[in-house]
Structure formats: C-alpha cells, structure tokens
C-alpha atoms as a PDB file:
ATOM      1  CA  PRO A   1      93.369 118.296 137.283  1.00  0.00           C
ATOM      2  CA  ALA A   2      91.158 118.038 140.246  1.00  0.00           C
ATOM      3  CA  TYR A   3      88.057 117.200 137.935  1.00  0.00           C
ATOM      4  CA  VAL A   4      90.067 114.280 135.973  1.00  0.00           C
ATOM      5  CA  LYS A   5      90.436 112.601 139.318  1.00  0.00           C
ATOM      6  CA  THR A   6      86.472 112.654 139.688  1.00  0.00           C
ATOM      7  CA  PHE A   7      85.654 112.114 136.511  1.00  0.00           C
ATOM      8  CA  GLN A   8      84.699 108.343 135.998  1.00  0.00           C
ATOM      9  CA  GLY A   9      83.987 108.479 131.588  1.00  0.00           C
ATOM     10  CA  PRO A  10      81.227 108.456 129.358  1.00  0.00           C
ATOM     11  CA  PRO A  11      78.400 105.796 130.580  1.00  0.00           C
ATOM     12  CA  HIS A  12      79.164 104.157 126.911  1.00  0.00           C
ATOM     13  CA  GLY A  13      81.307 103.513 124.543  1.00  0.00           C
ATOM     14  CA  ILE A  14      81.833 105.011 120.996  1.00  0.00           C
ATOM     15  CA  GLN A  15      80.584 102.197 118.896  1.00  0.00           C
ATOM     16  CA  VAL A  16      77.448 102.921 121.034  1.00  0.00           C
ATOM     17  CA  GLU A  17      77.420 106.575 119.811  1.00  0.00           C
ATOM     18  CA  ARG A  18      78.236 105.747 116.595  1.00  0.00           C
ATOM     19  CA  ASP A  19      74.898 103.636 115.856  1.00  0.00           C
ATOM     20  CA  LYS A  20      72.996 106.424 117.383  1.00  0.00           C
ATOM     21  CA  LEU A  21      74.071 108.548 114.772  1.00  0.00           C
ATOM     22  CA  ASN A  22      74.082 105.891 112.150  1.00  0.00           C
ATOM     23  CA  LYS A  23      78.434 107.054 111.470  1.00  0.00           C
ATOM     24  CA  TYR A  24      80.678 104.657 110.763  1.00  0.00           C
ATOM     25  CA  GLY A  25      84.149 105.201 109.545  1.00  0.00           C
ATOM     26  CA  ARG A  26      84.859 108.958 109.981  1.00  0.00           C
ATOM     27  CA  GLY A  27      84.982 111.728 112.461  1.00  0.00           C
ATOM     28  CA  LEU A  28      81.644 112.562 114.837  1.00  0.00           C
ATOM     29  CA  LEU A  29      82.944 115.985 114.803  1.00  0.00           C
ATOM     30  CA  GLY A  30      82.520 119.267 112.918  1.00  0.00           C
ATOM     31  CA  CYS A  31      84.036 123.055 112.901  1.00  0.00           C
ATOM     32  CA  THR A  32      82.700 125.818 111.093  1.00  0.00           C
ATOM     33  CA  ILE A  33      84.491 128.735 109.741  1.00  0.00           C
ATOM     34  CA  LYS A  34      83.554 132.215 110.887  1.00  0.00           C
ATOM     35  CA  PRO A  35      83.997 135.762 109.331  1.00  0.00           C
ATOM     36  CA  LYS A  36      85.335 137.033 112.822  1.00  0.00           C
ATOM     37  CA  LEU A  37      87.972 134.403 112.671  1.00  0.00           C
ATOM     38  CA  GLY A  38      90.507 136.256 110.231  1.00  0.00           C
ATOM     39  CA  LEU A  39      90.996 134.399 107.826  1.00  0.00           C
ATOM     40  CA  SER A  40      91.310 135.759 104.147  1.00  0.00           C
END
C-alpha cells in the first residue's frame, strides 16, 4: 500500500513496448510449466 502511493507508473505506455517487441494483438507475458509444480 505505501509503495503504491510512491509509484509513478511506467515512463511510457504499452504501445511503446509493443513497438519495441514488434508484438501486436496478443499478450506479452508467458510462463513455463516446471516439473516441480506437481502437475501430472
């Protein structure tokens, strides 16, 4: 909560990130399923 009050936000928007990564129309995050998660 105290951190949220001091955080000013990112210096630029999502469009700049999409331009840098050349990724449009889909999510930018991904994950890896690791064997230690207990999934069978």
